[in-house]
């Protein structure tokens, strides 16, 4: 696929918007985000440093809604393997952020925290996390929303911009009913 076609896809535009929102948040918090200069595939979205140079970590931005019927979210297992490799090989902490227009906020956590075993009770059943499911031939690794740190509420303009780029044919409400 040509890069122009790739960049014109709504999910790519939505991901780029999520990265832009995160970049501004990092700058507001006195962090310096470094990002790839190429639109080609890259191992992670950002290398982030504190202005005092005492902290450096990898930051990955997922611009996606949490799941409709489960209090969780996730990403491709192959991405998880890449992040785990970076952590093991280079010793860098990996922070995963989710820009979620359904929950209307940004949340996330360090991968080492997300990887801790957790149990969630939902509709009389116990769900064990992290969990891996096959979805359309791809493995997805899921983490519970309760394992996430709340980072920032999205403002109305950010939510509207993200909604415009959603490729879903319907809107749905969060588990809490807050929209």
C-alpha atoms as a PDB file:
ATOM      1  CA  UNK A   1       0.000   0.000   0.000  1.00  0.00           C
ATOM      2  CA  UNK A   2       1.343   3.412  -0.894  1.00  0.00           C
ATOM      3  CA  UNK A   3       2.078   5.741   2.051  1.00  0.00           C
ATOM      4  CA  UNK A   4      -0.391   8.344   0.761  1.00  0.00           C
ATOM      5  CA  UNK A   5      -3.150   5.720   0.836  1.00  0.00           C
ATOM      6  CA  UNK A   6      -2.080   4.570   4.303  1.00  0.00           C
ATOM      7  CA  UNK A   7      -2.055   8.099   5.729  1.00  0.00           C
ATOM      8  CA  UNK A   8      -5.505   8.820   4.300  1.00  0.00           C
ATOM      9  CA  UNK A   9      -7.135   5.981   6.280  1.00  0.00           C
ATOM     10  CA  UNK A  10      -9.390   7.272   9.067  1.00  0.00           C
ATOM     11  CA  UNK A  11      -7.831   4.991  11.712  1.00  0.00           C
ATOM     12  CA  UNK A  12      -4.364   6.321  10.856  1.00  0.00           C
ATOM     13  CA  UNK A  13      -5.609   9.912  11.061  1.00  0.00           C
ATOM     14  CA  UNK A  14      -7.265   9.098  14.395  1.00  0.00           C
ATOM     15  CA  UNK A  15      -4.026   7.542  15.686  1.00  0.00           C
ATOM     16  CA  UNK A  16      -2.057  10.604  14.588  1.00  0.00           C
ATOM     17  CA  UNK A  17      -4.545  12.843  16.409  1.00  0.00           C
ATOM     18  CA  UNK A  18      -4.171  10.734  19.571  1.00  0.00           C
ATOM     19  CA  UNK A  19      -0.384  11.113  19.352  1.00  0.00           C
ATOM     20  CA  UNK A  20      -0.748  14.874  18.910  1.00  0.00           C
ATOM     21  CA  UNK A  21      -2.961  15.084  22.021  1.00  0.00           C
ATOM     22  CA  UNK A  22      -0.455  13.021  24.028  1.00  0.00           C
ATOM     23  CA  UNK A  23       2.487  15.108  22.773  1.00  0.00           C
ATOM     24  CA  UNK A  24       0.827  18.301  24.008  1.00  0.00           C
ATOM     25  CA  UNK A  25       0.090  16.704  27.379  1.00  0.00           C
ATOM     26  CA  UNK A  26       3.727  15.581  27.729  1.00  0.00           C
ATOM     27  CA  UNK A  27       5.009  19.047  26.854  1.00  0.00           C
ATOM     28  CA  UNK A  28       2.601  20.606  29.376  1.00  0.00           C
ATOM     29  CA  UNK A  29       4.060  18.247  32.018  1.00  0.00           C
ATOM     30  CA  UNK A  30       7.671  19.195  31.189  1.00  0.00           C
ATOM     31  CA  UNK A  31       8.490  16.000  29.302  1.00  0.00           C
ATOM     32  CA  UNK A  32      10.143  15.970  25.899  1.00  0.00           C
ATOM     33  CA  UNK A  33       8.654  13.508  23.387  1.00  0.00           C
ATOM     34  CA  UNK A  34      10.870  12.261  20.561  1.00  0.00           C
ATOM     35  CA  UNK A  35       9.165  10.613  17.603  1.00  0.00           C
ATOM     36  CA  UNK A  36      10.074   8.948  14.297  1.00  0.00           C
ATOM     37  CA  UNK A  37      10.623  11.227  11.316  1.00  0.00           C
ATOM     38  CA  UNK A  38       9.310   8.574   8.961  1.00  0.00           C
ATOM     39  CA  UNK A  39       5.793   7.350   8.268  1.00  0.00           C
ATOM     40  CA  UNK A  40       7.226   3.841   7.904  1.00  0.00           C
ATOM     41  CA  UNK A  41       6.722   1.145  10.504  1.00  0.00           C
ATOM     42  CA  UNK A  42       8.581   1.928  13.719  1.00  0.00           C
ATOM     43  CA  UNK A  43       9.195  -0.028  16.953  1.00  0.00           C
ATOM     44  CA  UNK A  44       7.350   2.449  19.215  1.00  0.00           C
ATOM     45  CA  UNK A  45       5.617   5.824  19.069  1.00  0.00           C
ATOM     46  CA  UNK A  46       7.715   7.976  21.396  1.00  0.00           C
ATOM     47  CA  UNK A  47      10.890   8.024  23.390  1.00  0.00           C
ATOM     48  CA  UNK A  48      10.181  10.380  26.274  1.00  0.00           C
ATOM     49  CA  UNK A  49      12.678  12.199  28.482  1.00  0.00           C
ATOM     50  CA  UNK A  50      12.160  14.413  31.486  1.00  0.00           C
ATOM     51  CA  UNK A  51      13.590  17.902  31.125  1.00  0.00           C
ATOM     52  CA  UNK A  52      16.013  17.169  33.988  1.00  0.00           C
ATOM     53  CA  UNK A  53      17.275  14.109  32.014  1.00  0.00           C
ATOM     54  CA  UNK A  54      16.672  11.797  34.975  1.00  0.00           C
ATOM     55  CA  UNK A  55      13.911   9.717  33.338  1.00  0.00           C
ATOM     56  CA  UNK A  56      13.707   8.142  29.904  1.00  0.00           C
ATOM     57  CA  UNK A  57      10.988   5.723  28.812  1.00  0.00           C
ATOM     58  CA  UNK A  58       9.200   4.423  25.741  1.00  0.00           C
ATOM     59  CA  UNK A  59       5.627   5.599  25.262  1.00  0.00           C
ATOM     60  CA  UNK A  60       3.119   3.878  23.042  1.00  0.00           C
ATOM     61  CA  UNK A  61      -0.130   5.626  22.080  1.00  0.00           C
ATOM     62  CA  UNK A  62      -3.268   3.607  21.359  1.00  0.00           C
ATOM     63  CA  UNK A  63      -6.127   5.762  20.105  1.00  0.00           C
ATOM     64  CA  UNK A  64      -9.063   3.464  20.631  1.00  0.00           C
ATOM     65  CA  UNK A  65     -12.180   2.909  22.654  1.00  0.00           C
ATOM     66  CA  UNK A  66     -12.427   0.450  25.498  1.00  0.00           C
ATOM     67  CA  UNK A  67     -14.511  -2.632  24.752  1.00  0.00           C
ATOM     68  CA  UNK A  68     -18.279  -2.358  24.788  1.00  0.00           C
ATOM     69  CA  UNK A  69     -19.184  -5.323  27.015  1.00  0.00           C
ATOM     70  CA  UNK A  70     -16.007  -5.728  29.072  1.00  0.00           C
ATOM     71  CA  UNK A  71     -14.229  -3.276  31.397  1.00  0.00           C
ATOM     72  CA  UNK A  72     -10.989  -3.572  29.458  1.00  0.00           C
ATOM     73  CA  UNK A  73      -8.960  -2.555  26.455  1.00  0.00           C
ATOM     74  CA  UNK A  74      -5.995  -3.996  24.628  1.00  0.00           C
ATOM     75  CA  UNK A  75      -3.817  -4.230  21.568  1.00  0.00           C
ATOM     76  CA  UNK A  76      -2.262  -6.741  19.186  1.00  0.00           C
ATOM     77  CA  UNK A  77      -0.234  -9.456  20.865  1.00  0.00           C
ATOM     78  CA  UNK A  78       2.530  -8.966  18.287  1.00  0.00           C
ATOM     79  CA  UNK A  79       2.883  -5.368  19.540  1.00  0.00           C
ATOM     80  CA  UNK A  80       3.126  -6.687  23.097  1.00  0.00           C
ATOM     81  CA  UNK A  81       5.973  -8.987  22.030  1.00  0.00           C
ATOM     82  CA  UNK A  82       7.799  -6.028  20.455  1.00  0.00           C
ATOM     83  CA  UNK A  83       7.431  -3.921  23.626  1.00  0.00           C
ATOM     84  CA  UNK A  84       8.506  -6.802  25.843  1.00  0.00           C
ATOM     85  CA  UNK A  85      11.585  -7.303  23.661  1.00  0.00           C
ATOM     86  CA  UNK A  86      12.520  -3.618  24.009  1.00  0.00           C
ATOM     87  CA  UNK A  87      12.091  -3.855  27.782  1.00  0.00           C
ATOM     88  CA  UNK A  88      14.183  -7.023  28.029  1.00  0.00           C
ATOM     89  CA  UNK A  89      16.922  -5.999  25.599  1.00  0.00           C
ATOM     90  CA  UNK A  90      17.359  -2.323  26.518  1.00  0.00           C
ATOM     91  CA  UNK A  91      15.913  -2.118  30.030  1.00  0.00           C
ATOM     92  CA  UNK A  92      13.601   0.755  29.134  1.00  0.00           C
ATOM     93  CA  UNK A  93      10.230   1.089  30.834  1.00  0.00           C
ATOM     94  CA  UNK A  94       7.301   0.915  28.433  1.00  0.00           C
ATOM     95  CA  UNK A  95       4.279   3.125  29.146  1.00  0.00           C
ATOM     96  CA  UNK A  96       1.106   2.362  27.206  1.00  0.00           C
ATOM     97  CA  UNK A  97      -1.469   5.148  26.849  1.00  0.00           C
ATOM     98  CA  UNK A  98      -5.003   4.866  25.550  1.00  0.00           C
ATOM     99  CA  UNK A  99      -6.761   7.893  24.081  1.00  0.00           C
ATOM    100  CA  UNK A 100     -10.364   6.753  24.529  1.00  0.00           C
ATOM    101  CA  UNK A 101     -13.203   8.869  23.177  1.00  0.00           C
ATOM    102  CA  UNK A 102     -15.765   6.457  24.656  1.00  0.00           C
ATOM    103  CA  UNK A 103     -14.523   6.972  28.219  1.00  0.00           C
ATOM    104  CA  UNK A 104     -13.613  10.554  27.209  1.00  0.00           C
ATOM    105  CA  UNK A 105     -10.177  10.379  28.753  1.00  0.00           C
ATOM    106  CA  UNK A 106      -6.583   9.322  28.410  1.00  0.00           C
ATOM    107  CA  UNK A 107      -5.430   6.539  30.678  1.00  0.00           C
ATOM    108  CA  UNK A 108      -2.565   4.080  30.777  1.00  0.00           C
ATOM    109  CA  UNK A 109       0.165   2.482  32.793  1.00  0.00           C
ATOM    110  CA  UNK A 110       3.589   0.940  32.629  1.00  0.00           C
ATOM    111  CA  UNK A 111       3.558  -2.424  30.892  1.00  0.00           C
ATOM    112  CA  UNK A 112       5.077  -4.073  33.980  1.00  0.00           C
ATOM    113  CA  UNK A 113       1.998  -2.925  35.959  1.00  0.00           C
ATOM    114  CA  UNK A 114      -0.467  -3.992  33.278  1.00  0.00           C
ATOM    115  CA  UNK A 115       1.124  -7.450  33.240  1.00  0.00           C
ATOM    116  CA  UNK A 116       0.261  -8.128  36.898  1.00  0.00           C
ATOM    117  CA  UNK A 117      -2.364 -10.835  37.393  1.00  0.00           C
ATOM    118  CA  UNK A 118      -5.817  -9.463  38.200  1.00  0.00           C
ATOM    119  CA  UNK A 119      -9.311 -10.850  38.564  1.00  0.00           C
ATOM    120  CA  UNK A 120     -12.422  -8.874  37.674  1.00  0.00           C
ATOM    121  CA  UNK A 121     -15.972  -9.908  38.577  1.00  0.00           C
ATOM    122  CA  UNK A 122     -18.418  -9.157  35.781  1.00  0.00           C
ATOM    123  CA  UNK A 123     -22.035 -10.316  35.611  1.00  0.00           C
ATOM    124  CA  UNK A 124     -21.375 -13.164  38.056  1.00  0.00           C
ATOM    125  CA  UNK A 125     -18.247 -14.409  36.277  1.00  0.00           C
ATOM    126  CA  UNK A 126     -14.568 -14.006  37.067  1.00  0.00           C
ATOM    127  CA  UNK A 127     -12.308 -12.736  34.287  1.00  0.00           C
ATOM    128  CA  UNK A 128      -8.551 -13.235  34.653  1.00  0.00           C
ATOM    129  CA  UNK A 129      -6.213 -10.585  33.271  1.00  0.00           C
ATOM    130  CA  UNK A 130      -4.128 -10.070  31.326  1.00  0.00           C
ATOM    131  CA  UNK A 131      -5.932 -12.203  28.797  1.00  0.00           C
ATOM    132  CA  UNK A 132      -5.386 -13.073  25.171  1.00  0.00           C
ATOM    133  CA  UNK A 133      -8.212 -13.583  22.677  1.00  0.00           C
ATOM    134  CA  UNK A 134      -8.276 -14.294  18.984  1.00  0.00           C
ATOM    135  CA  UNK A 135     -10.193 -11.651  17.039  1.00  0.00           C
ATOM    136  CA  UNK A 136     -10.471 -11.922  13.262  1.00  0.00           C
ATOM    137  CA  UNK A 137      -7.357 -14.109  13.109  1.00  0.00           C
ATOM    138  CA  UNK A 138      -5.254 -11.810  15.311  1.00  0.00           C
ATOM    139  CA  UNK A 139      -4.290 -12.300  18.924  1.00  0.00           C
ATOM    140  CA  UNK A 140      -5.295  -9.361  21.130  1.00  0.00           C
ATOM    141  CA  UNK A 141      -3.957  -8.905  24.647  1.00  0.00           C
ATOM    142  CA  UNK A 142      -6.455  -7.272  27.021  1.00  0.00           C
ATOM    143  CA  UNK A 143      -5.942  -5.407  30.285  1.00  0.00           C
ATOM    144  CA  UNK A 144      -8.623  -4.251  32.750  1.00  0.00           C
ATOM    145  CA  UNK A 145      -9.479  -0.576  32.959  1.00  0.00           C
ATOM    146  CA  UNK A 146      -8.967  -0.770  36.729  1.00  0.00           C
ATOM    147  CA  UNK A 147      -5.233  -1.322  36.073  1.00  0.00           C
ATOM    148  CA  UNK A 148      -4.997   2.053  34.337  1.00  0.00           C
ATOM    149  CA  UNK A 149      -3.929   5.394  35.750  1.00  0.00           C
ATOM    150  CA  UNK A 150      -6.212   8.277  34.788  1.00  0.00           C
ATOM    151  CA  UNK A 151      -4.049  10.759  32.935  1.00  0.00           C
ATOM    152  CA  UNK A 152      -6.330  13.442  31.526  1.00  0.00           C
ATOM    153  CA  UNK A 153      -9.947  14.066  30.636  1.00  0.00           C
ATOM    154  CA  UNK A 154     -10.411  14.806  26.956  1.00  0.00           C
ATOM    155  CA  UNK A 155     -11.933  18.180  26.199  1.00  0.00           C
ATOM    156  CA  UNK A 156     -15.024  18.608  24.029  1.00  0.00           C
ATOM    157  CA  UNK A 157     -13.023  19.592  20.933  1.00  0.00           C
ATOM    158  CA  UNK A 158     -10.724  16.558  21.251  1.00  0.00           C
ATOM    159  CA  UNK A 159     -13.722  14.233  21.626  1.00  0.00           C
ATOM    160  CA  UNK A 160     -15.452  15.750  18.599  1.00  0.00           C
ATOM    161  CA  UNK A 161     -12.293  15.441  16.472  1.00  0.00           C
ATOM    162  CA  UNK A 162     -11.811  11.810  17.521  1.00  0.00           C
ATOM    163  CA  UNK A 163     -15.479  10.972  16.877  1.00  0.00           C
ATOM    164  CA  UNK A 164     -15.264  12.424  13.364  1.00  0.00           C
ATOM    165  CA  UNK A 165     -12.425  10.005  12.605  1.00  0.00           C
ATOM    166  CA  UNK A 166     -14.131   6.924  14.062  1.00  0.00           C
ATOM    167  CA  UNK A 167     -14.818   4.312  11.424  1.00  0.00           C
ATOM    168  CA  UNK A 168     -17.676   2.762  13.387  1.00  0.00           C
ATOM    169  CA  UNK A 169     -21.209   2.934  12.032  1.00  0.00           C
ATOM    170  CA  UNK A 170     -22.734   3.382  15.491  1.00  0.00           C
ATOM    171  CA  UNK A 171     -22.036   5.030  18.780  1.00  0.00           C
ATOM    172  CA  UNK A 172     -22.288   3.193  22.069  1.00  0.00           C
ATOM    173  CA  UNK A 173     -22.143   4.225  25.686  1.00  0.00           C
ATOM    174  CA  UNK A 174     -19.543   3.243  28.229  1.00  0.00           C
ATOM    175  CA  UNK A 175     -20.202   0.660  30.938  1.00  0.00           C
ATOM    176  CA  UNK A 176     -20.664   3.491  33.427  1.00  0.00           C
ATOM    177  CA  UNK A 177     -23.136   5.286  31.201  1.00  0.00           C
ATOM    178  CA  UNK A 178     -20.999   8.445  31.246  1.00  0.00           C
ATOM    179  CA  UNK A 179     -20.678   9.937  27.795  1.00  0.00           C
END
